[in-house]
């Protein structure tokens, strides 16, 4: 009886060692199939077979030792390219097609990355996408900033793109002299219009924008300046301005932008 039990225990130990050996070999195999790339400071972990999907390309050359690639301090392959755009390169290798987020506007930069990594298929898809965008008519975006210089009308900002109005609102919260939890909805007329009717003039003539509860927000000139700077940053160009006699567009009665 004791001999049978000992034999079974030895068989279990032998099976356990065998399984452990298989697990260890499997772990080594998984590690050997993975590769970590440092692309412009961004780390990407993927399978070697993904990078080697297309022969005679830069990444295939790295995987198969055809191209010598420097290593970073942690021993990862370092590639001095755009780390953010590389995710689109890697997704192309994974999916076999170009899939970009809505509103992507860096076609020329991505085309340069495709050329560097010697991915002809990616370069062709980027070119095709760019050509389609050029043929597609774009809706013109208008922006109007009107200053009526009186409490009944105040400063009015209109834009037919609600997302720009949202950006203006967020910016005003940041520059406000008071700690606002969010943009005061009393200034919102619609998703396309914000209007600041509540203000008083200080002793030096500066117009101070107030909430209905008399909380100070900021000066009216600050609002105009921030709206103008945001417009230029977002790619708008100044079309017309009314009454710039005071020497600055910030003091204009009306500004019209287009994009």
Protein backbone atom coordinates (compact mmCIF):
# COMPACT_ATOMS: atom_id res chain seq x y z
CA UNK A 1 0.00 0.00 0.00
CA UNK A 2 2.78 2.43 0.90
CA UNK A 3 4.63 1.63 -2.33
CA UNK A 4 1.54 2.46 -4.45
CA UNK A 5 1.09 5.79 -2.65
CA UNK A 6 4.76 6.71 -3.07
CA UNK A 7 4.59 5.84 -6.75
CA UNK A 8 1.55 8.07 -7.25
CA UNK A 9 3.25 10.95 -5.40
CA UNK A 10 6.33 10.63 -7.59
CA UNK A 11 4.16 10.62 -10.72
CA UNK A 12 2.40 13.81 -9.56
CA UNK A 13 5.75 15.47 -8.79
CA UNK A 14 7.03 14.48 -12.20
CA UNK A 15 3.90 15.86 -13.89
CA UNK A 16 4.21 19.10 -11.90
CA UNK A 17 7.85 19.59 -12.94
CA UNK A 18 6.92 18.87 -16.55
CA UNK A 19 4.10 21.43 -16.46
CA UNK A 20 6.36 24.03 -14.82
CA UNK A 21 8.93 23.48 -17.55
CA UNK A 22 6.26 23.92 -20.23
CA UNK A 23 4.99 27.11 -18.56
CA UNK A 24 8.53 28.48 -18.37
CA UNK A 25 9.17 27.67 -22.02
CA UNK A 26 5.87 29.29 -22.97
CA UNK A 27 6.75 32.41 -20.99
CA UNK A 28 10.14 32.66 -22.69
CA UNK A 29 8.48 32.19 -26.08
CA UNK A 30 5.96 34.98 -25.38
CA UNK A 31 8.73 37.33 -24.31
CA UNK A 32 10.79 36.51 -27.37
CA UNK A 33 7.88 37.35 -29.69
CA UNK A 34 7.32 40.78 -28.10
CA UNK A 35 9.30 43.93 -28.76
CA UNK A 36 9.27 47.35 -27.07
CA UNK A 37 9.91 50.45 -29.15
CA UNK A 38 10.69 53.91 -27.85
CA UNK A 39 9.39 56.24 -30.55
CA UNK A 40 10.14 59.87 -29.73
CA UNK A 41 9.75 59.19 -26.01
CA UNK A 42 6.56 57.09 -26.30
CA UNK A 43 6.78 53.37 -25.52
CA UNK A 44 4.97 50.84 -27.72
CA UNK A 45 4.84 47.10 -27.02
CA UNK A 46 3.81 44.86 -29.89
CA UNK A 47 4.60 41.55 -31.52
CA UNK A 48 7.59 41.24 -33.78
CA UNK A 49 5.47 39.61 -36.48
CA UNK A 50 3.30 42.78 -36.56
CA UNK A 51 6.31 44.96 -37.33
CA UNK A 52 7.58 42.47 -39.89
CA UNK A 53 4.26 42.27 -41.71
CA UNK A 54 5.55 44.04 -44.82
CA UNK A 55 8.98 43.00 -46.15
CA UNK A 56 11.68 45.50 -47.05
CA UNK A 57 10.36 48.13 -44.65
CA UNK A 58 12.18 49.97 -41.88
CA UNK A 59 10.44 48.14 -39.03
CA UNK A 60 10.83 44.73 -40.68
CA UNK A 61 14.52 45.50 -41.02
CA UNK A 62 14.81 46.21 -37.28
CA UNK A 63 13.04 42.98 -36.30
CA UNK A 64 15.15 40.80 -38.61
CA UNK A 65 18.44 42.55 -37.86
CA UNK A 66 18.84 44.15 -41.27
CA UNK A 67 18.86 47.66 -39.78
CA UNK A 68 20.90 48.68 -36.75
CA UNK A 69 18.77 50.65 -34.32
CA UNK A 70 20.10 52.46 -31.21
CA UNK A 71 18.83 51.54 -27.75
CA UNK A 72 17.61 53.82 -24.98
CA UNK A 73 18.77 53.63 -21.35
CA UNK A 74 16.29 50.82 -20.63
CA UNK A 75 17.39 48.68 -23.57
CA UNK A 76 14.43 49.49 -25.83
CA UNK A 77 14.88 50.17 -29.53
CA UNK A 78 14.84 53.95 -29.99
CA UNK A 79 13.40 55.57 -33.12
CA UNK A 80 13.63 59.35 -33.37
CA UNK A 81 10.22 59.99 -34.93
CA UNK A 82 6.82 61.43 -33.92
CA UNK A 83 5.69 59.28 -31.01
CA UNK A 84 2.05 60.34 -31.15
CA UNK A 85 1.63 59.67 -34.86
CA UNK A 86 3.31 56.27 -34.57
CA UNK A 87 0.12 54.82 -33.10
CA UNK A 88 -1.50 55.29 -36.51
CA UNK A 89 1.46 53.57 -38.17
CA UNK A 90 1.18 50.65 -35.74
CA UNK A 91 -2.60 50.39 -36.19
CA UNK A 92 -2.08 50.24 -39.95
CA UNK A 93 0.26 47.29 -39.46
CA UNK A 94 -2.24 45.59 -37.17
CA UNK A 95 -5.37 46.18 -39.25
CA UNK A 96 -4.01 46.31 -42.76
CA UNK A 97 -5.92 49.55 -43.42
CA UNK A 98 -5.80 53.19 -42.39
CA UNK A 99 -8.29 54.06 -39.64
CA UNK A 100 -8.04 57.60 -38.28
CA UNK A 101 -10.11 59.47 -35.68
CA UNK A 102 -12.75 61.93 -36.84
CA UNK A 103 -11.34 65.40 -37.44
CA UNK A 104 -7.77 64.18 -38.06
CA UNK A 105 -5.85 67.01 -39.74
CA UNK A 106 -2.22 65.83 -39.81
CA UNK A 107 -2.21 64.05 -43.15
CA UNK A 108 1.03 65.63 -44.34
CA UNK A 109 2.87 64.67 -41.15
CA UNK A 110 1.54 61.12 -41.32
CA UNK A 111 2.61 60.92 -44.96
CA UNK A 112 6.16 61.80 -43.88
CA UNK A 113 6.07 59.03 -41.26
CA UNK A 114 4.84 56.54 -43.86
CA UNK A 115 7.72 57.52 -46.13
CA UNK A 116 10.29 57.16 -43.34
CA UNK A 117 9.04 53.70 -42.34
CA UNK A 118 8.92 52.74 -46.03
CA UNK A 119 5.26 51.72 -45.87
CA UNK A 120 4.02 52.27 -49.43
CA UNK A 121 0.52 51.06 -48.66
CA UNK A 122 0.11 53.52 -45.80
CA UNK A 123 1.52 56.36 -47.90
CA UNK A 124 -0.98 55.62 -50.69
CA UNK A 125 -3.94 55.55 -48.28
CA UNK A 126 -2.88 58.83 -46.66
CA UNK A 127 -2.54 60.45 -50.09
CA UNK A 128 -5.96 59.15 -51.15
CA UNK A 129 -7.55 60.44 -47.95
CA UNK A 130 -5.97 63.87 -48.37
CA UNK A 131 -7.17 64.14 -51.98
CA UNK A 132 -10.74 63.26 -50.98
CA UNK A 133 -10.69 65.93 -48.28
CA UNK A 134 -9.59 68.54 -50.81
CA UNK A 135 -12.53 67.68 -53.07
CA UNK A 136 -15.06 67.72 -50.22
CA UNK A 137 -16.57 71.20 -49.77
CA UNK A 138 -16.11 72.54 -46.24
CA UNK A 139 -18.75 74.51 -44.40
CA UNK A 140 -17.60 78.07 -43.80
CA UNK A 141 -17.41 79.05 -40.14
CA UNK A 142 -18.32 82.61 -39.18
CA UNK A 143 -17.45 84.47 -36.00
CA UNK A 144 -18.79 87.89 -35.04
CA UNK A 145 -17.77 89.91 -31.98
CA UNK A 146 -19.98 92.95 -31.46
CA UNK A 147 -19.47 95.62 -28.78
CA UNK A 148 -22.46 97.97 -28.33
CA UNK A 149 -20.88 99.85 -25.40
CA UNK A 150 -24.10 99.87 -23.37
CA UNK A 151 -25.72 97.65 -20.75
CA UNK A 152 -28.78 96.86 -22.86
CA UNK A 153 -26.67 94.97 -25.42
CA UNK A 154 -23.14 94.73 -24.03
CA UNK A 155 -20.67 92.39 -25.75
CA UNK A 156 -22.08 89.73 -28.06
CA UNK A 157 -20.12 86.80 -29.48
CA UNK A 158 -21.75 84.76 -32.25
CA UNK A 159 -20.29 81.71 -34.04
CA UNK A 160 -22.10 79.13 -36.17
CA UNK A 161 -19.77 76.47 -34.72
CA UNK A 162 -20.94 75.60 -31.17
CA UNK A 163 -17.62 73.94 -30.33
CA UNK A 164 -15.86 77.31 -30.65
CA UNK A 165 -18.37 78.91 -28.27
CA UNK A 166 -17.61 76.08 -25.82
CA UNK A 167 -13.89 76.86 -26.06
CA UNK A 168 -14.56 80.53 -25.34
CA UNK A 169 -16.64 79.60 -22.30
CA UNK A 170 -13.88 77.39 -20.91
CA UNK A 171 -11.31 80.11 -21.48
CA UNK A 172 -13.41 82.73 -19.69
CA UNK A 173 -13.69 80.46 -16.64
CA UNK A 174 -9.88 80.21 -16.58
CA UNK A 175 -9.22 83.96 -16.86
CA UNK A 176 -11.98 84.99 -14.47
CA UNK A 177 -10.90 86.87 -11.37
CA UNK A 178 -13.45 84.89 -9.35
CA UNK A 179 -13.45 81.17 -8.70
CA UNK A 180 -16.20 80.07 -11.05
CA UNK A 181 -17.48 76.49 -10.95
CA UNK A 182 -18.35 76.85 -14.60
CA UNK A 183 -19.43 79.34 -17.22
CA UNK A 184 -22.33 81.52 -15.90
CA UNK A 185 -25.34 80.32 -17.89
CA UNK A 186 -26.98 83.75 -17.54
CA UNK A 187 -24.62 84.87 -20.33
CA UNK A 188 -25.63 82.00 -22.65
CA UNK A 189 -28.27 82.94 -25.23
CA UNK A 190 -27.96 79.75 -27.30
CA UNK A 191 -25.32 77.21 -28.33
CA UNK A 192 -24.09 79.78 -30.87
CA UNK A 193 -24.32 83.01 -28.87
CA UNK A 194 -22.98 84.36 -25.59
CA UNK A 195 -23.78 87.90 -24.51
CA UNK A 196 -22.50 89.98 -21.58
CA UNK A 197 -25.09 92.61 -20.70
CA UNK A 198 -24.15 93.06 -17.08
CA UNK A 199 -21.26 95.43 -16.51
CA UNK A 200 -20.42 98.64 -14.68
CA UNK A 201 -17.78 101.22 -15.40
CA UNK A 202 -15.00 101.73 -12.90
CA UNK A 203 -13.58 105.15 -12.07
CA UNK A 204 -11.00 104.89 -14.85
CA UNK A 205 -13.66 103.87 -17.39
CA UNK A 206 -12.90 100.15 -17.44
CA UNK A 207 -16.02 98.06 -17.94
CA UNK A 208 -16.37 95.34 -15.32
CA UNK A 209 -18.45 92.27 -16.20
CA UNK A 210 -20.67 91.13 -13.31
CA UNK A 211 -22.97 88.22 -12.73
CA UNK A 212 -26.54 88.93 -11.63
CA UNK A 213 -25.44 88.40 -8.03
CA UNK A 214 -22.75 91.11 -8.57
CA UNK A 215 -19.88 88.59 -8.64
CA UNK A 216 -17.02 90.10 -10.64
CA UNK A 217 -16.02 87.96 -13.64
CA UNK A 218 -13.44 90.04 -15.54
CA UNK A 219 -13.25 93.17 -17.68
CA UNK A 220 -15.08 93.42 -20.98
CA UNK A 221 -11.78 94.21 -22.73
CA UNK A 222 -10.35 90.94 -21.40
CA UNK A 223 -13.30 89.05 -22.87
CA UNK A 224 -12.77 90.64 -26.27
CA UNK A 225 -9.03 90.00 -26.18
CA UNK A 226 -9.46 86.32 -25.22
CA UNK A 227 -12.10 85.82 -27.93
CA UNK A 228 -9.82 87.38 -30.57
CA UNK A 229 -6.79 85.32 -29.50
CA UNK A 230 -8.86 82.12 -29.44
CA UNK A 231 -10.16 82.90 -32.94
CA UNK A 232 -6.65 83.37 -34.34
CA UNK A 233 -5.42 80.24 -32.57
CA UNK A 234 -8.26 78.21 -34.08
CA UNK A 235 -7.41 79.32 -37.61
CA UNK A 236 -9.92 82.13 -38.14
CA UNK A 237 -8.85 85.12 -40.22
CA UNK A 238 -10.11 88.65 -39.73
CA UNK A 239 -12.50 89.65 -42.50
CA UNK A 240 -13.70 93.11 -41.44
CA UNK A 241 -13.48 95.39 -38.42
CA UNK A 242 -15.58 98.47 -37.67
CA UNK A 243 -14.18 101.61 -36.02
CA UNK A 244 -10.53 100.82 -35.37
CA UNK A 245 -9.84 104.51 -34.89
CA UNK A 246 -8.55 103.86 -31.37
CA UNK A 247 -5.60 101.93 -32.77
CA UNK A 248 -6.41 98.39 -31.64
CA UNK A 249 -8.85 95.74 -32.84
CA UNK A 250 -9.71 95.11 -29.19
CA UNK A 251 -11.45 98.50 -29.20
CA UNK A 252 -13.38 97.85 -32.43
CA UNK A 253 -17.15 98.02 -32.36
CA UNK A 254 -17.49 94.89 -34.49
CA UNK A 255 -15.14 92.18 -35.72
CA UNK A 256 -15.96 89.58 -38.34
CA UNK A 257 -13.87 86.44 -38.75
CA UNK A 258 -14.10 83.55 -41.18
CA UNK A 259 -12.58 80.07 -41.42
